[in-house]
C-alpha atoms as a PDB file:
ATOM      1  CA  MET A   1      13.320   2.871  -3.463  1.00  0.00           C
ATOM      2  CA  SER A   2      10.625   5.320  -4.677  1.00  0.00           C
ATOM      3  CA  VAL A   3      11.305   7.156  -7.970  1.00  0.00           C
ATOM      4  CA  PHE A   4      10.679  10.323  -5.969  1.00  0.00           C
ATOM      5  CA  THR A   5      13.551   9.691  -3.571  1.00  0.00           C
ATOM      6  CA  SER A   6      16.239   8.688  -6.048  1.00  0.00           C
ATOM      7  CA  ILE A   7      18.503  11.509  -7.205  1.00  0.00           C
ATOM      8  CA  ASN A   8      21.221   9.517  -8.984  1.00  0.00           C
ATOM      9  CA  ARG A   9      19.644   9.556 -12.485  1.00  0.00           C
ATOM     10  CA  PRO A  10      17.287  11.717 -14.477  1.00  0.00           C
ATOM     11  CA  LEU A  11      13.600  11.080 -13.946  1.00  0.00           C
ATOM     12  CA  ASP A  12      11.569  10.531 -17.104  1.00  0.00           C
ATOM     13  CA  ILE A  13       7.836  11.364 -16.876  1.00  0.00           C
ATOM     14  CA  ASP A  14       5.247  10.508 -19.494  1.00  0.00           C
ATOM     15  CA  LEU A  15       2.249  12.859 -19.818  1.00  0.00           C
ATOM     16  CA  LEU A  16      -0.996  11.636 -21.358  1.00  0.00           C
ATOM     17  CA  VAL A  17      -2.916  14.809 -22.141  1.00  0.00           C
ATOM     18  CA  LEU A  18      -6.584  14.722 -23.096  1.00  0.00           C
ATOM     19  CA  PRO A  19      -8.204  17.275 -25.484  1.00  0.00           C
ATOM     20  CA  GLU A  20      -9.595  20.491 -23.906  1.00  0.00           C
ATOM     21  CA  THR A  21      -6.932  20.503 -21.195  1.00  0.00           C
ATOM     22  CA  ASN A  22      -5.999  23.926 -19.816  1.00  0.00           C
ATOM     23  CA  LEU A  23      -2.622  25.183 -21.014  1.00  0.00           C
ATOM     24  CA  ILE A  24      -1.814  26.265 -17.427  1.00  0.00           C
ATOM     25  CA  LEU A  25      -2.364  22.707 -16.253  1.00  0.00           C
ATOM     26  CA  ILE A  26       0.252  21.400 -18.683  1.00  0.00           C
ATOM     27  CA  ALA A  27       2.622  24.160 -17.663  1.00  0.00           C
ATOM     28  CA  SER A  28       1.980  23.404 -13.990  1.00  0.00           C
ATOM     29  CA  VAL A  29       3.586  20.014 -14.517  1.00  0.00           C
ATOM     30  CA  ILE A  30       6.358  20.934 -16.931  1.00  0.00           C
ATOM     31  CA  GLU A  31       7.566  24.376 -15.879  1.00  0.00           C
ATOM     32  CA  PRO A  32       8.715  23.439 -12.321  1.00  0.00           C
ATOM     33  CA  LEU A  33      10.689  20.556 -13.872  1.00  0.00           C
ATOM     34  CA  ARG A  34      12.190  22.879 -16.499  1.00  0.00           C
ATOM     35  CA  GLY A  35      13.039  25.304 -13.728  1.00  0.00           C
ATOM     36  CA  ALA A  36      14.755  22.535 -11.715  1.00  0.00           C
ATOM     37  CA  ASN A  37      16.824  21.672 -14.737  1.00  0.00           C
ATOM     38  CA  ARG A  38      17.796  25.239 -15.353  1.00  0.00           C
ATOM     39  CA  ILE A  39      18.754  26.066 -11.787  1.00  0.00           C
ATOM     40  CA  SER A  40      20.664  22.781 -11.250  1.00  0.00           C
ATOM     41  CA  GLY A  41      22.424  23.070 -14.598  1.00  0.00           C
ATOM     42  CA  ALA A  42      21.644  19.411 -15.315  1.00  0.00           C
ATOM     43  CA  GLU A  43      18.930  17.420 -17.031  1.00  0.00           C
ATOM     44  CA  ILE A  44      17.484  15.870 -13.918  1.00  0.00           C
ATOM     45  CA  TYR A  45      13.920  15.753 -15.380  1.00  0.00           C
ATOM     46  CA  ARG A  46      12.741  14.766 -18.846  1.00  0.00           C
ATOM     47  CA  TRP A  47       9.122  14.615 -20.091  1.00  0.00           C
ATOM     48  CA  HIS A  48       7.274  13.227 -23.057  1.00  0.00           C
ATOM     49  CA  LEU A  49       3.774  14.265 -24.103  1.00  0.00           C
ATOM     50  CA  PHE A  50       1.276  11.876 -25.591  1.00  0.00           C
ATOM     51  CA  THR A  51      -2.376  12.178 -26.682  1.00  0.00           C
ATOM     52  CA  PRO A  52      -4.902   9.365 -27.254  1.00  0.00           C
ATOM     53  CA  ASP A  53      -4.488   9.590 -31.054  1.00  0.00           C
ATOM     54  CA  GLY A  54      -1.051  11.274 -31.353  1.00  0.00           C
ATOM     55  CA  SER A  55      -2.518  14.575 -32.614  1.00  0.00           C
ATOM     56  CA  PRO A  56      -1.315  17.886 -31.142  1.00  0.00           C
ATOM     57  CA  ILE A  57      -2.997  18.688 -27.839  1.00  0.00           C
ATOM     58  CA  GLU A  58      -6.104  20.846 -28.293  1.00  0.00           C
ATOM     59  CA  THR A  59      -5.894  23.178 -25.296  1.00  0.00           C
ATOM     60  CA  THR A  60      -8.782  25.333 -24.121  1.00  0.00           C
ATOM     61  CA  SER A  61      -6.869  28.479 -25.026  1.00  0.00           C
ATOM     62  CA  GLN A  62      -6.702  27.203 -28.660  1.00  0.00           C
ATOM     63  CA  ILE A  63      -2.889  27.040 -28.471  1.00  0.00           C
ATOM     64  CA  PRO A  64      -1.896  23.574 -29.807  1.00  0.00           C
ATOM     65  CA  VAL A  65       0.917  21.673 -28.088  1.00  0.00           C
ATOM     66  CA  PRO A  66       2.793  19.056 -30.113  1.00  0.00           C
ATOM     67  CA  ALA A  67       2.725  15.472 -28.874  1.00  0.00           C
ATOM     68  CA  SER A  68       5.455  12.861 -29.122  1.00  0.00           C
ATOM     69  CA  GLY A  69       2.953  10.399 -30.438  1.00  0.00           C
ATOM     70  CA  SER A  70      -0.150   8.376 -29.557  1.00  0.00           C
ATOM     71  CA  PHE A  71      -0.422   6.813 -26.121  1.00  0.00           C
ATOM     72  CA  ARG A  72       0.065   3.063 -26.131  1.00  0.00           C
ATOM     73  CA  PRO A  73       0.486   0.676 -23.120  1.00  0.00           C
ATOM     74  CA  THR A  74       4.086  -0.405 -22.671  1.00  0.00           C
ATOM     75  CA  HIS A  75       6.311  -2.093 -20.145  1.00  0.00           C
ATOM     76  CA  ASP A  76       7.855   1.274 -19.421  1.00  0.00           C
ATOM     77  CA  SER A  77       8.235   1.941 -15.695  1.00  0.00           C
ATOM     78  CA  ALA A  78       8.328   5.723 -15.981  1.00  0.00           C
ATOM     79  CA  PRO A  79       5.656   7.617 -14.002  1.00  0.00           C
ATOM     80  CA  LEU A  80       2.578   8.400 -16.058  1.00  0.00           C
ATOM     81  CA  PHE A  81       0.677  11.630 -15.469  1.00  0.00           C
ATOM     82  CA  VAL A  82      -2.862  11.772 -16.919  1.00  0.00           C
ATOM     83  CA  LEU A  83      -3.916  15.418 -17.525  1.00  0.00           C
ATOM     84  CA  ALA A  84      -7.475  16.481 -18.212  1.00  0.00           C
ATOM     85  CA  SER A  85      -9.651  19.533 -17.633  1.00  0.00           C
ATOM     86  CA  TYR A  86     -12.975  19.731 -19.515  1.00  0.00           C
ATOM     87  CA  ASN A  87     -15.109  17.051 -21.159  1.00  0.00           C
ATOM     88  CA  TRP A  88     -12.738  14.220 -20.236  1.00  0.00           C
ATOM     89  CA  ARG A  89     -15.508  11.678 -20.757  1.00  0.00           C
ATOM     90  CA  ARG A  90     -15.337  12.207 -24.559  1.00  0.00           C
ATOM     91  CA  SER A  91     -11.887  10.618 -24.468  1.00  0.00           C
ATOM     92  CA  ALA A  92     -12.620   7.985 -21.830  1.00  0.00           C
ATOM     93  CA  THR A  93     -13.217   5.187 -24.294  1.00  0.00           C
ATOM     94  CA  GLN A  94     -13.238   1.554 -23.229  1.00  0.00           C
ATOM     95  CA  ALA A  95     -10.026   1.173 -25.275  1.00  0.00           C
ATOM     96  CA  LEU A  96      -8.225   3.974 -23.423  1.00  0.00           C
ATOM     97  CA  LYS A  97      -9.325   2.678 -20.001  1.00  0.00           C
ATOM     98  CA  MET A  98      -8.029  -0.766 -20.927  1.00  0.00           C
ATOM     99  CA  GLN A  99      -4.702   0.787 -22.050  1.00  0.00           C
ATOM    100  CA  LEU A 100      -4.393   2.542 -18.741  1.00  0.00           C
ATOM    101  CA  SER A 101      -5.095  -0.648 -16.813  1.00  0.00           C
ATOM    102  CA  GLN A 102      -2.500  -2.524 -18.899  1.00  0.00           C
ATOM    103  CA  THR A 103       0.237   0.103 -18.463  1.00  0.00           C
ATOM    104  CA  ALA A 104      -0.481   0.467 -14.747  1.00  0.00           C
ATOM    105  CA  ARG A 105       0.988  -2.982 -14.161  1.00  0.00           C
ATOM    106  CA  HIS A 106       4.433  -1.652 -15.033  1.00  0.00           C
ATOM    107  CA  ARG A 107       4.407   2.039 -14.100  1.00  0.00           C
ATOM    108  CA  SER A 108       6.227   3.035 -10.969  1.00  0.00           C
ATOM    109  CA  MET A 109       3.613   5.751 -10.390  1.00  0.00           C
ATOM    110  CA  MET A 110       0.279   6.844 -11.908  1.00  0.00           C
ATOM    111  CA  ALA A 111      -0.967  10.443 -11.452  1.00  0.00           C
ATOM    112  CA  GLY A 112      -4.396  11.910 -12.096  1.00  0.00           C
ATOM    113  CA  ILE A 113      -3.908  15.609 -12.670  1.00  0.00           C
ATOM    114  CA  GLU A 114      -7.092  17.628 -12.113  1.00  0.00           C
ATOM    115  CA  SER A 115      -9.823  15.814 -14.095  1.00  0.00           C
ATOM    116  CA  GLY A 116      -7.295  13.096 -14.859  1.00  0.00           C
ATOM    117  CA  SER A 117      -8.334  11.765 -11.421  1.00  0.00           C
ATOM    118  CA  TRP A 118     -11.740  10.978 -12.891  1.00  0.00           C
ATOM    119  CA  LEU A 119     -10.188   8.967 -15.720  1.00  0.00           C
ATOM    120  CA  LEU A 120      -8.063   6.931 -13.294  1.00  0.00           C
ATOM    121  CA  ALA A 121     -11.111   6.292 -11.115  1.00  0.00           C
ATOM    122  CA  GLU A 122     -13.089   5.289 -14.163  1.00  0.00           C
ATOM    123  CA  ALA A 123     -10.374   2.759 -15.051  1.00  0.00           C
ATOM    124  CA  SER A 124     -10.542   1.385 -11.432  1.00  0.00           C
ATOM    125  CA  LEU A 125      -7.012   2.569 -10.754  1.00  0.00           C
ATOM    126  CA  LEU A 126      -7.896   4.575  -7.596  1.00  0.00           C
ATOM    127  CA  ASN A 127      -9.756   1.885  -5.709  1.00  0.00           C
ATOM    128  CA  ASN A 128      -9.082   1.924  -1.977  1.00  0.00           C
ATOM    129  CA  VAL A 129      -6.705   4.857  -2.143  1.00  0.00           C
ATOM    130  CA  SER A 130      -7.172   8.510  -1.151  1.00  0.00           C
ATOM    131  CA  ALA A 131      -7.664  11.005  -4.013  1.00  0.00           C
ATOM    132  CA  ALA A 132      -7.762  14.793  -4.216  1.00  0.00           C
ATOM    133  CA  VAL A 133     -10.561  16.245  -6.259  1.00  0.00           C
ATOM    134  CA  HIS A 134     -11.363  19.717  -7.508  1.00  0.00           C
ATOM    135  CA  TRP A 135     -13.689  21.362  -4.953  1.00  0.00           C
ATOM    136  CA  GLU A 136     -16.430  21.960  -7.511  1.00  0.00           C
ATOM    137  CA  ASP A 137     -16.559  18.214  -8.295  1.00  0.00           C
ATOM    138  CA  PHE A 138     -16.017  16.777  -4.855  1.00  0.00           C
ATOM    139  CA  GLU A 139     -19.557  15.590  -4.051  1.00  0.00           C
ATOM    140  CA  ASP A 140     -20.164  14.254  -7.552  1.00  0.00           C
ATOM    141  CA  PHE A 141     -16.853  12.326  -7.484  1.00  0.00           C
ATOM    142  CA  ALA A 142     -17.473  10.885  -4.030  1.00  0.00           C
ATOM    143  CA  LEU A 143     -20.901   9.635  -5.123  1.00  0.00           C
ATOM    144  CA  ALA A 144     -19.686   8.224  -8.444  1.00  0.00           C
ATOM    145  CA  TYR A 145     -16.714   6.363  -6.918  1.00  0.00           C
ATOM    146  CA  PRO A 146     -17.432   5.256  -3.385  1.00  0.00           C
ATOM    147  CA  GLN A 147     -14.532   2.806  -3.592  1.00  0.00           C
ATOM    148  CA  VAL A 148     -12.178   5.837  -3.731  1.00  0.00           C
ATOM    149  CA  ARG A 149     -11.464   7.867  -0.581  1.00  0.00           C
ATOM    150  CA  ALA A 150     -12.118  11.408  -1.899  1.00  0.00           C
ATOM    151  CA  VAL A 151     -10.388  14.025   0.234  1.00  0.00           C
ATOM    152  CA  LYS A 152     -10.327  17.829   0.243  1.00  0.00           C
ATOM    153  CA  ASP A 153      -6.520  18.197  -0.070  1.00  0.00           C
ATOM    154  CA  ARG A 154      -4.671  20.074  -2.766  1.00  0.00           C
ATOM    155  CA  PHE A 155      -2.780  16.936  -3.781  1.00  0.00           C
ATOM    156  CA  VAL A 156      -2.340  13.416  -2.396  1.00  0.00           C
ATOM    157  CA  ILE A 157       0.488  10.905  -2.805  1.00  0.00           C
ATOM    158  CA  ASP A 158      -0.910   7.545  -1.712  1.00  0.00           C
ATOM    159  CA  GLY A 159       1.438   4.660  -2.522  1.00  0.00           C
ATOM    160  CA  LYS A 160       1.791   4.427  -6.272  1.00  0.00           C
ATOM    161  CA  ARG A 161      -1.045   6.836  -6.970  1.00  0.00           C
ATOM    162  CA  ILE A 162      -1.008  10.637  -7.111  1.00  0.00           C
ATOM    163  CA  THR A 163      -3.918  13.012  -7.553  1.00  0.00           C
ATOM    164  CA  THR A 164      -4.204  16.805  -7.656  1.00  0.00           C
ATOM    165  CA  ALA A 165      -7.195  19.139  -7.278  1.00  0.00           C
ATOM    166  CA  GLY A 166      -6.292  21.707  -9.915  1.00  0.00           C
ATOM    167  CA  SER A 167      -3.534  23.671 -11.662  1.00  0.00           C
ATOM    168  CA  LEU A 168      -1.928  25.518  -8.727  1.00  0.00           C
ATOM    169  CA  PRO A 169      -2.145  22.411  -6.480  1.00  0.00           C
ATOM    170  CA  THR A 170      -0.233  20.656  -9.263  1.00  0.00           C
ATOM    171  CA  VAL A 171       2.573  23.206  -8.830  1.00  0.00           C
ATOM    172  CA  ASP A 172       2.577  22.279  -5.135  1.00  0.00           C
ATOM    173  CA  LEU A 173       2.905  18.618  -6.159  1.00  0.00           C
ATOM    174  CA  MET A 174       5.801  19.247  -8.516  1.00  0.00           C
ATOM    175  CA  LEU A 175       7.646  21.209  -5.830  1.00  0.00           C
ATOM    176  CA  GLU A 176       7.096  18.340  -3.435  1.00  0.00           C
ATOM    177  CA  ILE A 177       8.510  15.883  -5.986  1.00  0.00           C
ATOM    178  CA  ILE A 178      11.595  18.115  -6.432  1.00  0.00           C
ATOM    179  CA  ARG A 179      11.957  18.423  -2.666  1.00  0.00           C
ATOM    180  CA  ARG A 180      11.865  14.635  -2.231  1.00  0.00           C
ATOM    181  CA  ARG A 181      14.396  13.966  -4.974  1.00  0.00           C
ATOM    182  CA  GLN A 182      16.768  16.934  -4.749  1.00  0.00           C
ATOM    183  CA  GLY A 183      16.068  18.485  -1.399  1.00  0.00           C
ATOM    184  CA  TYR A 184      14.628  21.619   0.171  1.00  0.00           C
ATOM    185  CA  SER A 185      17.101  24.015  -1.366  1.00  0.00           C
ATOM    186  CA  LEU A 186      16.292  23.321  -5.008  1.00  0.00           C
ATOM    187  CA  ALA A 187      12.562  23.196  -4.379  1.00  0.00           C
ATOM    188  CA  LEU A 188      12.792  26.530  -2.635  1.00  0.00           C
ATOM    189  CA  GLU A 189      14.734  28.074  -5.520  1.00  0.00           C
ATOM    190  CA  VAL A 190      12.242  26.745  -8.103  1.00  0.00           C
ATOM    191  CA  SER A 191       9.324  28.306  -6.202  1.00  0.00           C
ATOM    192  CA  ARG A 192      11.238  31.602  -5.971  1.00  0.00           C
ATOM    193  CA  LEU A 193      11.982  31.415  -9.708  1.00  0.00           C
ATOM    194  CA  PHE A 194       8.219  31.800 -10.298  1.00  0.00           C
ATOM    195  CA  ILE A 195       7.695  34.056  -7.262  1.00  0.00           C
ATOM    196  CA  TYR A 196       5.244  31.325  -6.294  1.00  0.00           C
ATOM    197  CA  GLU A 197       3.494  31.166  -2.920  1.00  0.00           C
ATOM    198  CA  PRO A 198       1.955  27.711  -2.526  1.00  0.00           C
ATOM    199  CA  ALA A 199      -0.970  27.322  -0.145  1.00  0.00           C
ATOM    200  CA  ALA A 200      -0.339  26.560   3.490  1.00  0.00           C
ATOM    201  CA  VAL A 201       0.034  22.960   4.390  1.00  0.00           C
ATOM    202  CA  TYR A 202      -3.231  20.997   4.687  1.00  0.00           C
ATOM    203  CA  GLY A 203      -4.083  18.121   6.923  1.00  0.00           C
ATOM    204  CA  ALA A 204      -2.126  14.948   6.554  1.00  0.00           C
ATOM    205  CA  VAL A 205       1.431  14.495   7.614  1.00  0.00           C
ATOM    206  CA  GLU A 206       2.200  13.250   4.141  1.00  0.00           C
ATOM    207  CA  LEU A 207       1.507  16.712   2.773  1.00  0.00           C
ATOM    208  CA  SER A 208       3.112  18.750   5.509  1.00  0.00           C
ATOM    209  CA  PRO A 209       6.599  19.143   4.083  1.00  0.00           C
ATOM    210  CA  SER A 210       5.359  20.261   0.690  1.00  0.00           C
ATOM    211  CA  THR A 211       6.677  23.524   0.831  1.00  0.00           C
ATOM    212  CA  ALA A 212       9.508  24.560  -0.488  1.00  0.00           C
ATOM    213  CA  GLY A 213       7.487  27.562  -1.312  1.00  0.00           C
ATOM    214  CA  LEU A 214       7.087  31.016   0.067  1.00  0.00           C
ATOM    215  CA  ARG A 215       3.652  31.171   1.653  1.00  0.00           C
ATOM    216  CA  MET A 216       4.038  33.619   4.477  1.00  0.00           C
ATOM    217  CA  ARG A 217       0.616  34.375   5.908  1.00  0.00           C
ATOM    218  CA  ASP A 218       2.092  35.549   9.207  1.00  0.00           C
ATOM    219  CA  PRO A 219       3.908  38.916   8.811  1.00  0.00           C
ATOM    220  CA  ARG A 220       6.470  37.786  11.369  1.00  0.00           C
ATOM    221  CA  VAL A 221       7.548  34.933   9.095  1.00  0.00           C
ATOM    222  CA  ALA A 222       7.787  37.378   6.175  1.00  0.00           C
ATOM    223  CA  GLN A 223       9.908  39.702   8.300  1.00  0.00           C
ATOM    224  CA  ALA A 224      12.151  36.839   9.383  1.00  0.00           C
ATOM    225  CA  VAL A 225      12.710  35.723   5.790  1.00  0.00           C
ATOM    226  CA  ARG A 226      13.542  39.284   4.767  1.00  0.00           C
ATOM    227  CA  LEU A 227      16.097  39.459   7.589  1.00  0.00           C
ATOM    228  CA  MET A 228      17.594  36.115   6.479  1.00  0.00           C
ATOM    229  CA  GLU A 229      17.871  37.413   2.917  1.00  0.00           C
ATOM    230  CA  GLU A 230      19.539  40.635   4.122  1.00  0.00           C
ATOM    231  CA  ASN A 231      22.022  38.735   6.311  1.00  0.00           C
ATOM    232  CA  ILE A 232      23.441  36.053   4.086  1.00  0.00           C
ATOM    233  CA  GLU A 233      27.142  36.930   4.664  1.00  0.00           C
ATOM    234  CA  GLN A 234      26.796  37.036   8.443  1.00  0.00           C
ATOM    235  CA  PRO A 235      23.816  34.811   9.406  1.00  0.00           C
ATOM    236  CA  LEU A 236      21.797  35.743  12.452  1.00  0.00           C
ATOM    237  CA  VAL A 237      21.532  33.181  15.209  1.00  0.00           C
ATOM    238  CA  LEU A 238      17.960  32.022  15.886  1.00  0.00           C
ATOM    239  CA  THR A 239      17.578  33.858  19.185  1.00  0.00           C
ATOM    240  CA  ARG A 240      18.615  37.170  17.654  1.00  0.00           C
ATOM    241  CA  LEU A 241      16.417  36.612  14.632  1.00  0.00           C
ATOM    242  CA  ALA A 242      13.451  35.861  16.838  1.00  0.00           C
ATOM    243  CA  ARG A 243      14.146  38.883  18.938  1.00  0.00           C
ATOM    244  CA  ARG A 244      14.225  41.136  15.891  1.00  0.00           C
ATOM    245  CA  VAL A 245      10.840  39.724  14.816  1.00  0.00           C
ATOM    246  CA  GLY A 246       9.405  40.115  18.310  1.00  0.00           C
ATOM    247  CA  VAL A 247       8.752  36.463  19.236  1.00  0.00           C
ATOM    248  CA  SER A 248      10.533  33.747  21.185  1.00  0.00           C
ATOM    249  CA  ALA A 249      12.868  31.338  19.375  1.00  0.00           C
ATOM    250  CA  ARG A 250      10.444  28.462  20.015  1.00  0.00           C
ATOM    251  CA  HIS A 251       7.490  30.453  18.656  1.00  0.00           C
ATOM    252  CA  LEU A 252       9.426  31.358  15.509  1.00  0.00           C
ATOM    253  CA  GLN A 253      10.291  27.703  14.937  1.00  0.00           C
ATOM    254  CA  ALA A 254       6.598  26.830  15.201  1.00  0.00           C
ATOM    255  CA  LEU A 255       5.665  29.608  12.763  1.00  0.00           C
ATOM    256  CA  PHE A 256       8.171  28.390  10.193  1.00  0.00           C
ATOM    257  CA  GLN A 257       7.052  24.797  10.625  1.00  0.00           C
ATOM    258  CA  GLU A 258       3.445  25.857   9.964  1.00  0.00           C
ATOM    259  CA  SER A 259       4.342  28.017   6.959  1.00  0.00           C
ATOM    260  CA  PHE A 260       7.089  25.981   5.271  1.00  0.00           C
ATOM    261  CA  GLY A 261       7.049  22.558   6.845  1.00  0.00           C
ATOM    262  CA  ALA A 262      10.666  23.215   7.872  1.00  0.00           C
ATOM    263  CA  PRO A 263      12.401  24.934  10.801  1.00  0.00           C
ATOM    264  CA  PRO A 264      14.091  28.338  10.385  1.00  0.00           C
ATOM    265  CA  HIS A 265      17.646  26.959  10.210  1.00  0.00           C
ATOM    266  CA  VAL A 266      16.739  24.709   7.258  1.00  0.00           C
ATOM    267  CA  HIS A 267      15.165  27.585   5.368  1.00  0.00           C
ATOM    268  CA  TYR A 268      18.084  29.906   6.175  1.00  0.00           C
ATOM    269  CA  LEU A 269      20.629  27.342   5.032  1.00  0.00           C
ATOM    270  CA  ALA A 270      18.715  26.816   1.808  1.00  0.00           C
ATOM    271  CA  LEU A 271      18.764  30.538   1.074  1.00  0.00           C
ATOM    272  CA  ARG A 272      22.531  30.713   1.677  1.00  0.00           C
ATOM    273  CA  LEU A 273      23.292  27.567  -0.376  1.00  0.00           C
ATOM    274  CA  ASN A 274      21.211  28.791  -3.242  1.00  0.00           C
ATOM    275  CA  ALA A 275      23.011  32.122  -3.174  1.00  0.00           C
ATOM    276  CA  ALA A 276      26.289  30.215  -3.108  1.00  0.00           C
ATOM    277  CA  ARG A 277      25.343  28.025  -6.055  1.00  0.00           C
ATOM    278  CA  ARG A 278      24.472  31.050  -8.177  1.00  0.00           C
ATOM    279  CA  LYS A 279      27.975  32.349  -7.436  1.00  0.00           C
ATOM    280  CA  VAL A 280      29.517  28.973  -8.313  1.00  0.00           C
ATOM    281  CA  ILE A 281      27.686  28.897 -11.638  1.00  0.00           C
ATOM    282  CA  GLU A 282      27.727  32.578 -12.606  1.00  0.00           C
ATOM    283  CA  THR A 283      31.051  33.853 -11.299  1.00  0.00           C
ATOM    284  CA  LYS A 284      34.724  32.917 -11.210  1.00  0.00           C
ATOM    285  CA  GLU A 285      35.076  33.661  -7.485  1.00  0.00           C
ATOM    286  CA  SER A 286      37.133  31.232  -5.469  1.00  0.00           C
ATOM    287  CA  PHE A 287      35.320  28.868  -3.163  1.00  0.00           C
ATOM    288  CA  ALA A 288      36.875  30.605  -0.195  1.00  0.00           C
ATOM    289  CA  GLU A 289      35.371  33.922  -1.395  1.00  0.00           C
ATOM    290  CA  ILE A 290      31.969  32.323  -1.988  1.00  0.00           C
ATOM    291  CA  ALA A 291      32.089  30.645   1.466  1.00  0.00           C
ATOM    292  CA  ALA A 292      32.804  34.004   3.144  1.00  0.00           C
ATOM    293  CA  ALA A 293      30.082  35.777   1.149  1.00  0.00           C
ATOM    294  CA  THR A 294      27.437  33.218   2.149  1.00  0.00           C
ATOM    295  CA  GLY A 295      28.198  32.853   5.827  1.00  0.00           C
ATOM    296  CA  PHE A 296      30.356  29.716   6.036  1.00  0.00           C
ATOM    297  CA  ASN A 297      33.400  29.583   8.303  1.00  0.00           C
ATOM    298  CA  SER A 298      35.678  27.988   5.727  1.00  0.00           C
ATOM    299  CA  ALA A 299      35.797  26.696   2.203  1.00  0.00           C
ATOM    300  CA  SER A 300      35.813  23.110   3.477  1.00  0.00           C
ATOM    301  CA  ALA A 301      32.709  23.692   5.607  1.00  0.00           C
ATOM    302  CA  PHE A 302      31.009  25.286   2.616  1.00  0.00           C
ATOM    303  CA  SER A 303      32.009  22.402   0.364  1.00  0.00           C
ATOM    304  CA  ARG A 304      30.618  19.769   2.789  1.00  0.00           C
ATOM    305  CA  SER A 305      27.294  21.575   3.093  1.00  0.00           C
ATOM    306  CA  TYR A 306      27.086  22.187  -0.649  1.00  0.00           C
ATOM    307  CA  ARG A 307      27.721  18.520  -1.421  1.00  0.00           C
ATOM    308  CA  ALA A 308      25.177  17.358   1.163  1.00  0.00           C
ATOM    309  CA  SER A 309      22.561  19.588  -0.423  1.00  0.00           C
ATOM    310  CA  PHE A 310      23.293  19.264  -4.162  1.00  0.00           C
ATOM    311  CA  SER A 311      24.972  15.807  -4.333  1.00  0.00           C
ATOM    312  CA  GLU A 312      28.126  17.213  -5.919  1.00  0.00           C
ATOM    313  CA  SER A 313      30.954  19.455  -4.824  1.00  0.00           C
ATOM    314  CA  PRO A 314      31.271  23.079  -5.968  1.00  0.00           C
ATOM    315  CA  SER A 315      34.214  22.112  -8.149  1.00  0.00           C
ATOM    316  CA  GLY A 316      32.130  19.265  -9.516  1.00  0.00           C
ATOM    317  CA  THR A 317      29.424  21.722 -10.541  1.00  0.00           C
ATOM    318  CA  ARG A 318      31.907  23.907 -12.381  1.00  0.00           C
ATOM    319  CA  GLN A 319      33.579  20.958 -14.110  1.00  0.00           C
ATOM    320  CA  ARG A 320      30.269  19.549 -15.239  1.00  0.00           C
ATOM    321  CA  LEU A 321      29.103  22.909 -16.642  1.00  0.00           C
ATOM    322  CA  ARG A 322      32.489  23.400 -18.314  1.00  0.00           C
ATOM    323  CA  ARG A 323      32.197  20.032 -20.003  1.00  0.00           C
ATOM    324  CA  ARG A 324      28.681  20.773 -21.141  1.00  0.00           C
ATOM    325  CA  SER A 325      29.743  24.145 -22.499  1.00  0.00           C
ATOM    326  CA  THR A 326      32.694  22.551 -24.403  1.00  0.00           C
ATOM    327  CA  ALA A 327      30.458  19.869 -25.882  1.00  0.00           C
ATOM    328  CA  ALA A 328      27.896  22.440 -27.024  1.00  0.00           C
ATOM    329  CA  ALA A 329      30.642  24.445 -28.748  1.00  0.00           C
ATOM    330  CA  GLU A 330      32.011  21.514 -30.717  1.00  0.00           C
ATOM    331  CA  PRO A 331      30.831  21.299 -34.343  1.00  0.00           C
ATOM    332  CA  THR A 332      28.356  18.550 -35.100  1.00  0.00           C
END
């Protein structure tokens, strides 16, 4: 089973960050994971930052970021993300390329984030796979590495290799990882946490579901989403929703599929479940009250849908958070 489809244990991710990396690129990887932890109320993602020599990361904004230590090849199977922005060649020593080749034998996944794709290609770790490249560098990359299938996508997941074309495409990637592991509802809520609108889906089927985000290029989709948000307690049926927007039900389904990679009922259910989860976490309302407030016919129907989406029952969420709160209050 892929590490990006397993939800039963926390996912550890190692980040190898090269000097002169953009601060926003580092945040593009970490902040969606932090948001997922915060919203879910559980440590479902953990990350560890490394640099080639163990020194703090020298970002382009001159804000140093501490590292856990120097990067060394290990038998660790955790995914490894290689982050780089400018002047990556200065760090691409023969020793580092050899370390990457050695650790690749054991890693469940290797990711080249922005210019990190160049380093993976330089270490012959992208041979015969598709790779996303920043648009400014596309032609140069394609010429330098003909054995790599350079593509003009925002990000690519090809087997055990991942590549992204920049900072915001990296946010798209992280939302996709969250969607695959925890489902559409959490990925949607993370994107809403940052009021983030990822780009519309590009090309390959592999990329088409990436969007747990809120890109609404068509005003009819935006209007439909507003109606959904205004009618959480008494959900509108698809035909009525479509009529309010001024299109047929079939056309509205097509518009949602194009914008979100998901049909209207999936997006609507995610909005309702996210609203319900906030009530489970932030209030003392009964589950029957929460069910009624978020459009479910009964507490049992709400509980089944909640468990299917979040892999625990509403009572399980409250018990887990209560245990965590008690543990945090105990003296050390």
